[in-house]
N, C-alpha and C. Protein backbone atom coordinates (compact mmCIF):
# COMPACT_ATOMS: atom_id res chain seq x y z
N MET A 1 0.90 -1.43 -0.26
CA MET A 1 0.02 0.23 -0.20
C MET A 1 1.31 1.22 0.02
N ILE A 2 0.38 2.47 -0.49
CA ILE A 2 1.15 3.78 -1.10
C ILE A 2 0.74 4.29 0.66
N LYS A 3 2.05 4.86 1.27
CA LYS A 3 1.74 5.81 1.85
C LYS A 3 1.48 7.25 1.52
N ARG A 4 0.47 8.16 2.43
CA ARG A 4 0.23 9.26 2.26
C ARG A 4 0.44 10.37 3.25
N ASP A 5 0.69 11.26 3.12
CA ASP A 5 0.88 12.32 4.30
C ASP A 5 -0.68 12.82 4.63
N ARG A 6 -0.37 13.59 5.79
CA ARG A 6 -1.90 14.35 6.24
C ARG A 6 -2.71 15.01 5.09
N GLN A 7 -2.02 15.67 3.89
CA GLN A 7 -2.51 16.32 2.56
C GLN A 7 -3.16 15.09 1.84
N GLY A 8 -2.80 13.94 1.86
CA GLY A 8 -2.92 13.07 0.65
C GLY A 8 -2.29 12.72 -0.28
N ARG A 9 -0.84 13.56 0.22
CA ARG A 9 0.21 12.96 -1.35
C ARG A 9 0.97 11.68 -0.73
N ALA A 10 1.20 11.27 -2.03
CA ALA A 10 2.05 9.86 -1.90
C ALA A 10 3.19 10.24 -1.46
N ASP A 11 4.08 9.08 -0.37
CA ASP A 11 5.19 9.25 -0.04
C ASP A 11 6.24 8.54 -1.34
N VAL A 12 6.70 9.57 -2.08
CA VAL A 12 7.43 8.78 -2.96
C VAL A 12 8.58 8.17 -2.57
N ASN A 13 9.15 8.77 -1.94
CA ASN A 13 10.33 7.52 -1.50
C ASN A 13 10.08 6.05 -1.16
N VAL A 14 8.87 5.87 -0.17
CA VAL A 14 8.49 4.40 0.22
C VAL A 14 8.03 4.07 -0.89
N THR A 15 7.44 4.30 -1.73
CA THR A 15 6.89 3.61 -3.19
C THR A 15 8.27 3.48 -4.11
N ALA A 16 9.25 4.14 -4.16
CA ALA A 16 10.41 3.88 -4.84
C ALA A 16 11.20 2.56 -4.00
N ALA A 17 11.30 2.88 -3.42
CA ALA A 17 11.77 1.78 -2.43
C ALA A 17 11.26 0.40 -2.36
N CYS A 18 10.02 0.36 -3.05
CA CYS A 18 9.55 -1.07 -3.45
C CYS A 18 10.07 -1.57 -4.38
N PHE A 19 10.64 -0.60 -5.23
CA PHE A 19 11.09 -1.28 -6.61
C PHE A 19 12.56 -1.14 -7.16
N VAL A 20 13.28 -0.50 -6.16
CA VAL A 20 14.67 -0.50 -6.18
C VAL A 20 15.41 -1.01 -4.76
N GLY A 21 16.73 -1.86 -5.53
CA GLY A 21 17.33 -2.53 -4.77
C GLY A 21 16.88 -4.13 -3.79
N THR A 22 15.46 -4.41 -4.56
CA THR A 22 14.97 -5.24 -4.04
C THR A 22 15.14 -6.24 -4.49
N PRO A 23 15.84 -7.42 -4.12
CA PRO A 23 16.37 -9.13 -4.56
C PRO A 23 15.59 -9.63 -5.19
N ARG A 24 15.65 -10.47 -6.83
CA ARG A 24 14.84 -11.00 -7.18
C ARG A 24 15.15 -12.43 -8.03
N ARG A 25 14.42 -13.30 -7.65
CA ARG A 25 14.80 -14.59 -7.99
C ARG A 25 14.62 -14.68 -9.35
N PRO A 26 15.27 -15.42 -10.23
CA PRO A 26 15.12 -16.13 -11.66
C PRO A 26 13.56 -16.84 -11.34
N PRO A 27 13.28 -16.03 -12.59
CA PRO A 27 11.41 -16.89 -12.99
C PRO A 27 12.03 -18.18 -13.27
N LEU A 28 10.82 -18.93 -12.71
CA LEU A 28 10.23 -20.09 -13.28
C LEU A 28 9.95 -19.87 -14.38
N LEU A 29 10.19 -20.64 -15.80
CA LEU A 29 9.79 -20.37 -17.23
C LEU A 29 8.10 -21.69 -16.65
N TRP A 30 6.88 -21.34 -17.49
CA TRP A 30 6.43 -22.08 -17.66
C TRP A 30 6.22 -22.34 -19.03
N VAL A 31 6.33 -23.73 -18.68
CA VAL A 31 6.03 -24.84 -20.41
C VAL A 31 5.15 -25.70 -20.11
N PRO A 32 4.58 -25.29 -20.87
CA PRO A 32 3.04 -26.54 -21.56
C PRO A 32 3.02 -27.63 -21.50
N ALA A 33 3.91 -27.93 -22.39
CA ALA A 33 4.28 -29.46 -22.63
C ALA A 33 6.13 -29.94 -22.49
N PRO A 34 5.89 -31.03 -22.46
CA PRO A 34 7.43 -31.11 -21.97
C PRO A 34 8.40 -30.75 -23.51
N VAL A 35 9.34 -30.07 -23.73
CA VAL A 35 10.10 -29.66 -24.73
C VAL A 35 11.52 -30.57 -24.92
N GLU A 36 11.72 -30.30 -25.88
CA GLU A 36 13.40 -31.09 -26.14
C GLU A 36 14.30 -29.52 -26.40
N VAL A 37 15.30 -29.14 -25.14
CA VAL A 37 16.10 -27.66 -26.34
C VAL A 37 17.05 -28.60 -27.63
N LEU A 38 16.95 -27.62 -27.87
CA LEU A 38 17.49 -27.87 -29.57
C LEU A 38 18.84 -27.25 -29.50
N ILE A 39 18.56 -25.43 -29.63
CA ILE A 39 19.48 -24.49 -29.42
C ILE A 39 19.12 -23.97 -27.93
N THR A 40 19.95 -23.65 -27.36
CA THR A 40 20.05 -22.95 -26.08
C THR A 40 20.02 -21.57 -25.72
N GLN A 41 20.05 -20.72 -24.75
CA GLN A 41 20.31 -19.25 -24.54
C GLN A 41 21.01 -18.87 -25.17
N ALA A 42 21.93 -19.61 -24.80
CA ALA A 42 23.26 -19.39 -24.86
C ALA A 42 24.07 -18.97 -25.68
N GLN A 43 23.72 -20.21 -26.93
CA GLN A 43 24.15 -20.30 -28.16
C GLN A 43 23.46 -19.50 -28.72
N ILE A 44 22.27 -18.76 -28.34
CA ILE A 44 21.11 -18.22 -29.29
C ILE A 44 22.21 -16.24 -29.14
N ARG A 45 22.57 -16.23 -27.95
CA ARG A 45 22.94 -15.07 -27.69
C ARG A 45 24.21 -14.69 -28.28
N ASP A 46 25.22 -16.04 -28.12
CA ASP A 46 26.38 -15.64 -29.01
C ASP A 46 26.15 -15.42 -30.64
N ARG A 47 25.44 -15.99 -30.60
CA ARG A 47 25.29 -16.26 -32.44
C ARG A 47 24.44 -14.81 -32.92
N VAL A 48 23.55 -14.40 -32.02
CA VAL A 48 22.66 -13.26 -32.20
C VAL A 48 24.27 -11.92 -32.32
N ALA A 49 24.81 -12.02 -31.51
CA ALA A 49 25.80 -11.09 -31.36
C ALA A 49 26.81 -11.02 -32.50
N GLU A 50 26.84 -12.32 -32.80
CA GLU A 50 28.03 -12.19 -34.27
C GLU A 50 27.45 -11.82 -35.53
N LEU A 51 25.99 -12.14 -35.62
CA LEU A 51 24.86 -11.71 -36.47
C LEU A 51 25.18 -10.01 -36.73
N GLY A 52 25.17 -9.52 -35.35
CA GLY A 52 25.03 -8.01 -35.28
C GLY A 52 26.36 -7.49 -35.82
N ARG A 53 27.23 -7.97 -35.45
CA ARG A 53 28.60 -7.43 -36.31
C ARG A 53 28.84 -7.56 -37.41
N GLN A 54 28.14 -8.52 -37.90
CA GLN A 54 28.42 -8.67 -39.53
C GLN A 54 27.79 -7.63 -39.90
N ILE A 55 26.13 -7.74 -39.68
CA ILE A 55 25.40 -6.89 -40.34
C ILE A 55 26.08 -5.59 -39.86
N GLU A 56 26.82 -4.57 -39.08
CA GLU A 56 26.95 -3.72 -38.71
C GLU A 56 28.42 -3.64 -39.74
N ALA A 57 29.22 -4.31 -39.74
CA ALA A 57 30.42 -4.18 -40.77
C ALA A 57 29.78 -4.10 -42.14
N ASP A 58 29.15 -4.76 -42.94
CA ASP A 58 28.60 -4.82 -44.33
C ASP A 58 27.63 -3.34 -44.66
N TYR A 59 26.91 -2.42 -43.21
CA TYR A 59 26.01 -1.63 -43.33
C TYR A 59 26.66 -0.37 -42.66
N HIS A 60 27.98 -0.05 -42.67
CA HIS A 60 28.66 0.81 -42.04
C HIS A 60 28.16 2.31 -42.75
N ASP A 61 28.07 2.19 -44.08
CA ASP A 61 28.10 3.65 -44.85
C ASP A 61 26.53 3.56 -45.67
N ARG A 62 25.85 2.84 -44.98
CA ARG A 62 24.54 2.97 -46.12
C ARG A 62 23.27 2.58 -45.40
N PRO A 63 22.30 3.50 -45.75
CA PRO A 63 21.19 3.64 -45.00
C PRO A 63 20.07 2.10 -44.69
N LEU A 64 20.02 1.85 -43.81
CA LEU A 64 19.21 0.76 -43.68
C LEU A 64 18.31 0.64 -42.82
N THR A 65 17.15 -0.06 -43.14
CA THR A 65 15.72 -0.02 -42.35
C THR A 65 15.57 -1.94 -42.44
N ILE A 66 15.57 -2.16 -41.24
CA ILE A 66 15.60 -3.97 -40.70
C ILE A 66 13.65 -3.56 -40.53
N VAL A 67 13.07 -4.73 -41.55
CA VAL A 67 11.84 -5.07 -41.54
C VAL A 67 11.92 -6.48 -41.26
N ALA A 68 10.75 -6.14 -39.74
CA ALA A 68 10.80 -7.22 -38.88
C ALA A 68 9.53 -8.13 -39.30
N ILE A 69 9.49 -9.33 -39.69
CA ILE A 69 8.18 -9.95 -40.05
C ILE A 69 7.60 -10.49 -38.83
N LEU A 70 6.83 -10.21 -38.21
CA LEU A 70 5.41 -10.65 -37.25
C LEU A 70 5.19 -12.23 -37.21
N THR A 71 4.95 -12.76 -36.48
CA THR A 71 5.14 -11.99 -34.87
C THR A 71 6.24 -12.90 -34.51
N GLY A 72 6.57 -13.77 -35.56
CA GLY A 72 7.81 -14.69 -34.44
C GLY A 72 9.22 -14.15 -34.35
N SER A 73 9.28 -12.77 -35.32
CA SER A 73 10.87 -12.16 -35.00
C SER A 73 11.18 -11.16 -33.83
N ILE A 74 9.92 -11.26 -33.17
CA ILE A 74 10.11 -10.03 -32.22
C ILE A 74 10.99 -9.84 -31.65
N VAL A 75 11.30 -11.30 -30.80
CA VAL A 75 12.53 -11.37 -29.35
C VAL A 75 13.71 -11.32 -30.86
N LEU A 76 13.94 -11.79 -31.75
CA LEU A 76 15.19 -11.98 -32.67
C LEU A 76 15.72 -10.28 -32.90
N LEU A 77 14.59 -9.50 -33.28
CA LEU A 77 14.30 -8.21 -33.60
C LEU A 77 14.93 -7.16 -32.54
N ALA A 78 14.40 -7.66 -31.13
CA ALA A 78 14.83 -6.98 -30.09
C ALA A 78 16.29 -6.98 -29.78
N ASP A 79 16.49 -8.09 -30.03
CA ASP A 79 18.28 -8.68 -29.78
C ASP A 79 19.13 -8.16 -30.30
N LEU A 80 18.68 -8.41 -31.97
CA LEU A 80 19.63 -7.71 -32.78
C LEU A 80 19.91 -6.61 -32.89
N ILE A 81 18.72 -5.91 -33.33
CA ILE A 81 19.11 -4.71 -33.31
C ILE A 81 20.41 -3.61 -32.19
N ARG A 82 20.13 -4.29 -30.48
CA ARG A 82 21.12 -3.62 -29.77
C ARG A 82 22.21 -4.34 -29.81
N GLU A 83 22.60 -5.44 -30.99
CA GLU A 83 24.13 -5.54 -31.48
C GLU A 83 24.41 -4.96 -32.76
N ILE A 84 24.01 -3.87 -33.43
CA ILE A 84 23.70 -3.12 -34.12
C ILE A 84 24.29 -2.07 -33.87
N GLN A 85 25.48 -1.38 -33.89
CA GLN A 85 25.86 0.07 -33.86
C GLN A 85 25.70 0.98 -34.45
N LEU A 86 25.07 1.15 -35.37
CA LEU A 86 24.29 2.02 -36.60
C LEU A 86 23.33 2.70 -36.57
N PRO A 87 23.08 3.84 -36.86
CA PRO A 87 21.87 4.24 -37.21
C PRO A 87 21.01 3.34 -37.71
N LEU A 88 19.82 3.20 -37.59
CA LEU A 88 18.59 2.29 -39.23
C LEU A 88 17.57 2.84 -38.09
N ARG A 89 16.20 2.02 -39.62
CA ARG A 89 15.28 2.31 -39.03
C ARG A 89 14.62 1.00 -38.97
N VAL A 90 13.66 0.82 -38.07
CA VAL A 90 13.23 -0.28 -37.53
C VAL A 90 11.59 -0.30 -38.22
N ALA A 91 11.43 -0.91 -38.77
CA ALA A 91 9.90 -1.41 -39.09
C ALA A 91 9.33 -3.02 -39.37
N VAL A 92 7.91 -2.98 -39.30
CA VAL A 92 7.16 -4.31 -38.94
C VAL A 92 6.09 -4.61 -40.21
N LEU A 93 6.00 -5.79 -40.47
CA LEU A 93 4.89 -6.19 -41.18
C LEU A 93 4.36 -7.63 -40.48
N GLN A 94 3.41 -7.93 -41.36
CA GLN A 94 2.23 -9.20 -40.61
C GLN A 94 2.21 -10.11 -41.69
N ALA A 95 2.99 -11.52 -41.60
CA ALA A 95 2.89 -12.14 -42.76
C ALA A 95 2.97 -13.73 -42.04
N SER A 96 1.82 -14.65 -42.75
CA SER A 96 1.89 -15.78 -41.97
C SER A 96 1.34 -16.75 -42.57
N SER A 97 2.25 -17.85 -42.61
CA SER A 97 1.03 -19.19 -43.38
C SER A 97 0.71 -20.01 -42.35
N TYR A 98 1.23 -19.82 -41.49
CA TYR A 98 0.52 -20.80 -40.12
C TYR A 98 -0.70 -20.09 -39.35
N LYS A 99 -1.96 -21.18 -38.88
CA LYS A 99 -3.06 -20.79 -38.06
C LYS A 99 -3.71 -21.64 -36.86
N GLY A 100 -3.51 -20.95 -36.27
CA GLY A 100 -3.39 -22.09 -34.45
C GLY A 100 -2.78 -23.09 -34.22
N ALA A 101 -3.37 -23.86 -34.31
CA ALA A 101 -2.67 -24.89 -33.64
C ALA A 101 -2.00 -26.09 -35.18
N THR A 102 -2.19 -25.72 -36.46
CA THR A 102 -1.90 -26.27 -37.71
C THR A 102 0.07 -26.17 -37.60
N THR A 103 0.68 -27.23 -38.01
CA THR A 103 2.47 -27.40 -37.70
C THR A 103 2.12 -27.27 -39.72
N ILE A 104 1.32 -27.32 -40.64
CA ILE A 104 1.51 -27.38 -41.74
C ILE A 104 0.71 -25.93 -42.56
N ALA A 105 2.24 -25.49 -42.92
CA ALA A 105 1.80 -23.84 -44.06
C ALA A 105 1.02 -24.11 -45.14
N GLY A 106 0.01 -22.86 -44.59
CA GLY A 106 -1.43 -22.82 -45.66
C GLY A 106 -1.01 -21.47 -46.37
N LYS A 107 -2.11 -20.72 -46.70
CA LYS A 107 -2.29 -19.74 -47.83
C LYS A 107 -1.44 -18.37 -46.74
N LEU A 108 -0.12 -17.68 -47.54
CA LEU A 108 0.26 -16.82 -47.48
C LEU A 108 -0.58 -15.31 -47.22
N SER A 109 -0.67 -14.74 -45.83
CA SER A 109 -1.35 -13.54 -45.78
C SER A 109 -0.35 -12.70 -45.46
N ILE A 110 -0.83 -11.36 -45.74
CA ILE A 110 0.72 -10.47 -45.51
C ILE A 110 -0.65 -8.93 -45.31
N ASN A 111 0.16 -8.21 -44.38
CA ASN A 111 -0.26 -7.04 -43.62
C ASN A 111 0.69 -6.00 -43.45
N GLU A 112 0.65 -5.07 -44.58
CA GLU A 112 1.61 -3.97 -44.87
C GLU A 112 1.30 -2.67 -44.37
N ASP A 113 0.30 -2.88 -43.55
CA ASP A 113 -0.09 -1.32 -42.75
C ASP A 113 0.95 -1.14 -41.95
N PHE A 114 1.58 -1.02 -41.29
CA PHE A 114 2.64 -0.74 -40.53
C PHE A 114 3.96 -0.45 -41.17
N LEU A 115 4.05 -0.69 -42.52
CA LEU A 115 5.59 -0.34 -43.45
C LEU A 115 5.21 0.90 -44.08
N PRO A 116 6.75 1.30 -43.25
CA PRO A 116 7.07 2.91 -44.30
C PRO A 116 7.42 2.85 -45.22
N ASP A 117 8.29 3.86 -45.47
CA ASP A 117 8.86 4.19 -47.19
C ASP A 117 10.27 3.84 -46.82
N VAL A 118 10.24 2.79 -47.62
CA VAL A 118 11.49 2.21 -47.99
C VAL A 118 12.56 2.58 -49.15
N ALA A 119 11.84 3.86 -50.13
CA ALA A 119 12.37 3.94 -51.46
C ALA A 119 13.55 4.59 -51.20
N GLY A 120 14.52 4.02 -52.01
CA GLY A 120 15.95 4.15 -51.84
C GLY A 120 16.93 3.74 -51.06
N ARG A 121 16.45 2.95 -49.70
CA ARG A 121 17.27 2.60 -48.75
C ARG A 121 16.80 1.05 -48.76
N ASP A 122 18.45 0.93 -48.43
CA ASP A 122 18.77 -1.10 -48.22
C ASP A 122 17.92 -1.31 -46.88
N VAL A 123 16.95 -2.45 -47.60
CA VAL A 123 16.24 -2.97 -46.62
C VAL A 123 16.87 -4.24 -46.30
N LEU A 124 17.01 -5.09 -44.69
CA LEU A 124 16.76 -5.98 -44.54
C LEU A 124 15.74 -7.08 -43.73
N LEU A 125 14.92 -7.93 -44.03
CA LEU A 125 14.14 -8.65 -44.01
C LEU A 125 14.47 -9.37 -42.94
N LEU A 126 13.96 -9.30 -41.62
CA LEU A 126 14.35 -9.98 -40.75
C LEU A 126 13.25 -11.51 -40.27
N ASP A 127 13.10 -12.62 -40.36
CA ASP A 127 12.38 -13.82 -40.20
C ASP A 127 13.19 -14.75 -39.03
N ASP A 128 12.10 -15.35 -38.58
CA ASP A 128 12.59 -16.19 -37.41
C ASP A 128 12.89 -17.46 -38.11
N ILE A 129 12.67 -18.20 -39.33
CA ILE A 129 12.92 -19.26 -39.95
C ILE A 129 12.75 -19.25 -41.31
N LEU A 130 13.00 -19.87 -41.91
CA LEU A 130 13.38 -19.82 -43.76
C LEU A 130 12.78 -21.73 -43.41
N ASP A 131 11.79 -21.63 -44.04
CA ASP A 131 10.96 -22.78 -44.41
C ASP A 131 11.06 -23.39 -45.83
N THR A 132 9.08 -23.02 -46.01
CA THR A 132 9.45 -23.32 -47.42
C THR A 132 10.00 -22.19 -48.38
N GLY A 133 10.34 -21.04 -47.90
CA GLY A 133 10.94 -20.33 -48.81
C GLY A 133 9.49 -18.78 -49.01
N HIS A 134 8.91 -19.48 -49.21
CA HIS A 134 7.52 -18.76 -50.03
C HIS A 134 7.29 -17.39 -49.27
N THR A 135 7.35 -17.07 -48.28
CA THR A 135 7.11 -16.02 -47.24
C THR A 135 8.35 -15.05 -47.58
N LEU A 136 9.67 -15.30 -47.78
CA LEU A 136 10.78 -14.37 -47.54
C LEU A 136 10.62 -14.16 -49.49
N SER A 137 10.85 -15.06 -50.08
CA SER A 137 10.59 -15.00 -51.45
C SER A 137 9.61 -13.46 -51.87
N THR A 138 8.82 -13.93 -51.24
CA THR A 138 7.17 -13.01 -51.71
C THR A 138 7.42 -11.39 -51.55
N LEU A 139 7.94 -11.58 -49.52
CA LEU A 139 8.15 -10.13 -49.10
C LEU A 139 9.69 -9.36 -50.19
N VAL A 140 10.68 -10.22 -50.61
CA VAL A 140 11.72 -9.51 -51.44
C VAL A 140 10.82 -9.09 -52.54
N GLY A 141 10.39 -9.39 -53.50
CA GLY A 141 9.89 -8.99 -54.28
C GLY A 141 8.94 -7.61 -53.80
N ARG A 142 8.34 -7.33 -52.75
CA ARG A 142 7.30 -6.44 -52.21
C ARG A 142 8.12 -5.23 -51.96
N MET A 143 9.28 -5.54 -51.19
CA MET A 143 10.31 -4.29 -50.85
C MET A 143 10.70 -3.78 -52.27
N SER A 144 11.26 -4.49 -53.43
CA SER A 144 11.67 -4.20 -54.19
C SER A 144 10.55 -3.42 -55.27
N ASP A 145 9.55 -3.80 -55.23
CA ASP A 145 8.24 -3.08 -55.76
C ASP A 145 8.23 -1.55 -55.30
N ARG A 146 8.29 -1.74 -53.62
CA ARG A 146 7.96 -0.70 -52.96
C ARG A 146 9.64 0.55 -52.99
N GLY A 147 10.65 0.49 -54.03
CA GLY A 147 11.32 1.24 -54.16
C GLY A 147 12.89 0.92 -53.50
N ALA A 148 12.87 -0.13 -52.94
CA ALA A 148 14.05 -0.62 -52.05
C ALA A 148 15.32 -0.95 -52.90
N LEU A 149 16.42 0.26 -52.46
CA LEU A 149 17.48 0.28 -53.49
C LEU A 149 18.30 -1.16 -53.33
N ARG A 150 18.30 -1.99 -52.24
CA ARG A 150 19.08 -2.97 -51.96
C ARG A 150 18.21 -4.29 -51.19
N VAL A 151 17.20 -5.26 -51.24
CA VAL A 151 17.05 -6.31 -50.39
C VAL A 151 17.77 -7.32 -50.02
N ARG A 152 18.11 -7.57 -48.98
CA ARG A 152 18.47 -8.87 -48.36
C ARG A 152 17.80 -9.27 -47.46
N THR A 153 18.05 -10.83 -46.83
CA THR A 153 17.37 -11.61 -45.96
C THR A 153 18.32 -11.82 -44.75
N ALA A 154 17.80 -12.05 -43.53
CA ALA A 154 18.19 -12.46 -42.35
C ALA A 154 17.40 -13.46 -41.44
N VAL A 155 17.83 -14.97 -41.43
CA VAL A 155 16.99 -15.76 -40.16
C VAL A 155 17.41 -16.34 -39.26
N LEU A 156 16.97 -16.76 -38.17
CA LEU A 156 17.60 -16.83 -36.83
C LEU A 156 17.63 -18.75 -36.95
N LEU A 157 16.85 -19.21 -37.91
CA LEU A 157 17.18 -20.65 -38.23
C LEU A 157 16.85 -21.16 -39.58
N ARG A 158 17.34 -21.84 -40.39
CA ARG A 158 17.08 -22.48 -41.78
C ARG A 158 16.78 -23.86 -41.41
N LYS A 159 15.42 -24.48 -41.96
CA LYS A 159 14.87 -25.80 -41.71
C LYS A 159 15.48 -26.35 -42.77
N ILE A 160 16.60 -27.75 -42.91
CA ILE A 160 17.33 -28.27 -43.91
C ILE A 160 16.17 -28.95 -44.54
N GLY A 161 15.97 -29.54 -45.70
CA GLY A 161 14.86 -30.22 -46.57
C GLY A 161 13.63 -29.81 -46.47
N ARG A 162 13.54 -28.02 -46.57
CA ARG A 162 11.60 -27.95 -46.69
C ARG A 162 11.71 -26.70 -47.64
N GLN A 163 12.90 -26.59 -48.13
CA GLN A 163 12.86 -25.22 -49.44
C GLN A 163 12.07 -25.37 -50.35
N GLN A 164 11.05 -24.95 -51.04
CA GLN A 164 10.82 -24.91 -52.38
C GLN A 164 10.83 -23.65 -53.23
N VAL A 165 11.55 -22.89 -52.83
CA VAL A 165 11.84 -22.30 -54.23
C VAL A 165 13.28 -21.68 -53.64
N GLN A 166 13.96 -21.20 -54.75
CA GLN A 166 15.58 -21.09 -54.47
C GLN A 166 15.43 -19.38 -53.73
N LEU A 167 16.08 -19.45 -52.72
CA LEU A 167 16.75 -18.40 -51.70
C LEU A 167 17.53 -18.66 -50.97
N GLU A 168 18.36 -17.81 -51.10
CA GLU A 168 19.40 -18.21 -49.83
C GLU A 168 20.02 -16.68 -49.16
N PRO A 169 19.56 -17.01 -47.61
CA PRO A 169 19.56 -15.80 -46.71
C PRO A 169 21.11 -15.58 -46.89
N ASP A 170 20.87 -14.03 -46.56
CA ASP A 170 22.50 -13.31 -46.32
C ASP A 170 23.02 -13.47 -45.22
N TYR A 171 21.80 -13.73 -44.29
CA TYR A 171 22.33 -13.62 -42.89
C TYR A 171 21.52 -15.19 -42.24
N CYS A 172 22.20 -16.73 -41.63
CA CYS A 172 21.74 -17.11 -40.94
C CYS A 172 22.18 -17.46 -39.82
N GLY A 173 21.40 -17.71 -38.93
CA GLY A 173 21.80 -18.08 -37.46
C GLY A 173 22.07 -19.62 -37.27
N PHE A 174 21.05 -20.55 -37.77
CA PHE A 174 21.33 -22.03 -37.28
C PHE A 174 20.40 -22.59 -38.48
N GLU A 175 21.33 -23.72 -38.68
CA GLU A 175 20.42 -24.53 -39.88
C GLU A 175 19.86 -25.67 -38.80
N ILE A 176 18.74 -26.06 -39.09
CA ILE A 176 18.13 -27.24 -38.39
C ILE A 176 17.65 -28.34 -38.57
N PRO A 177 17.53 -29.64 -38.09
CA PRO A 177 16.60 -30.44 -39.05
C PRO A 177 14.84 -30.33 -38.68
N ASP A 178 14.49 -30.80 -39.84
CA ASP A 178 12.87 -30.62 -40.27
C ASP A 178 11.90 -31.48 -39.25
N ALA A 179 12.23 -30.04 -38.42
CA ALA A 179 11.03 -30.53 -36.96
C ALA A 179 10.31 -29.00 -36.73
N PHE A 180 9.22 -28.76 -35.83
CA PHE A 180 8.18 -27.94 -35.91
C PHE A 180 8.91 -27.69 -34.83
N VAL A 181 10.10 -26.51 -34.26
CA VAL A 181 10.19 -25.75 -33.51
C VAL A 181 9.55 -24.82 -32.86
N ILE A 182 9.92 -24.44 -31.50
CA ILE A 182 9.27 -23.35 -30.34
C ILE A 182 9.73 -22.75 -29.74
N GLY A 183 9.67 -21.41 -28.80
CA GLY A 183 10.85 -21.02 -28.62
C GLY A 183 11.39 -19.27 -28.72
N TYR A 184 11.92 -18.60 -28.17
CA TYR A 184 12.48 -17.80 -28.98
C TYR A 184 11.73 -16.70 -29.56
N GLY A 185 10.13 -16.71 -29.37
CA GLY A 185 9.44 -16.01 -30.33
C GLY A 185 8.63 -16.84 -31.28
N LEU A 186 9.08 -17.89 -31.81
CA LEU A 186 8.15 -18.73 -32.40
C LEU A 186 7.34 -19.75 -31.52
N ASP A 187 5.93 -19.94 -31.93
CA ASP A 187 5.09 -20.71 -31.15
C ASP A 187 4.71 -21.53 -31.89
N PHE A 188 3.49 -22.12 -30.44
CA PHE A 188 2.37 -23.18 -31.51
C PHE A 188 1.01 -22.90 -31.01
N ASP A 189 0.28 -22.83 -31.77
CA ASP A 189 -1.13 -22.19 -31.29
C ASP A 189 -0.78 -20.83 -30.12
N ASP A 190 0.32 -20.02 -30.87
CA ASP A 190 0.06 -18.75 -29.72
C ASP A 190 0.73 -18.92 -28.39
N ASP A 191 1.73 -20.05 -28.12
CA ASP A 191 1.96 -20.47 -26.76
C ASP A 191 3.90 -20.82 -27.20
N TYR A 192 4.53 -20.53 -25.98
CA TYR A 192 5.66 -21.08 -26.15
C TYR A 192 6.66 -19.88 -26.69
N ARG A 193 6.11 -18.56 -27.35
CA ARG A 193 6.77 -17.93 -27.25
C ARG A 193 7.81 -17.07 -26.65
N HIS A 194 7.62 -17.36 -25.44
CA HIS A 194 8.22 -16.44 -24.04
C HIS A 194 9.49 -17.34 -23.54
N LEU A 195 10.09 -18.50 -24.20
CA LEU A 195 10.84 -19.78 -23.73
C LEU A 195 12.11 -18.65 -24.57
N PRO A 196 13.52 -18.65 -24.05
CA PRO A 196 14.92 -18.13 -24.00
C PRO A 196 15.37 -19.54 -25.11
N TYR A 197 15.27 -20.22 -25.06
CA TYR A 197 15.51 -21.13 -25.90
C TYR A 197 15.21 -22.18 -27.64
N ILE A 198 15.63 -22.53 -28.15
CA ILE A 198 14.35 -22.86 -29.41
C ILE A 198 14.30 -23.90 -28.78
N GLY A 199 13.14 -24.80 -28.80
CA GLY A 199 12.91 -26.53 -28.52
C GLY A 199 12.00 -27.15 -29.55
N VAL A 200 11.95 -28.28 -29.52
CA VAL A 200 11.24 -29.51 -30.17
C VAL A 200 10.06 -29.76 -29.51
N LEU A 201 9.05 -29.53 -29.46
CA LEU A 201 7.86 -30.26 -28.91
C LEU A 201 8.16 -31.50 -28.88
N ASP A 202 7.58 -32.04 -27.67
CA ASP A 202 7.65 -33.63 -27.57
C ASP A 202 6.31 -34.39 -27.68
N ASN A 203 5.89 -34.57 -28.87
CA ASN A 203 4.65 -35.05 -29.33
C ASN A 203 3.95 -36.51 -28.73
N GLY A 204 5.03 -37.14 -27.66
CA GLY A 204 4.38 -38.05 -27.13
C GLY A 204 3.76 -37.73 -25.77
């Protein structure tokens, strides 16, 4: 409860003390079903830092806009841009071919309402995973149609044996086997995004 003086004013010092200097235990992860860890939190952290340094070196003198594909790439976006010591713009767009609890890609749905003007700028499309390649391939064309100077792609994960279109990501974190993965922003039926690692659901 916030303490107040006789005039009803809040005791700011007492209130602030509740939030500063209070020791906190690491939170326990809530996992609704058994998960096999495929890529650890430390591995992701180190690899994202490496990708950030590589991108920084490649774009040190070019106007860059990073366009993150929602919703799976939001955690990657937040971590990656803090590793890139360059002035850059950040944008998001919605694109998905998975709905609800399905693990099979369906019709691609794209919402570009939040996308700023990219004409005359380098664009780096950022996605969580390269699966069939249809999403990234389509979006590369969309960015070019909007007048982007050059369009490159970056993915955290590349699933081996799943690609149906010719697309080589310019930056790739990890190559993984053909399994449905969750965590670090990736979901199953809008769950598991909070996990700090990449895991595979135990369907048993």
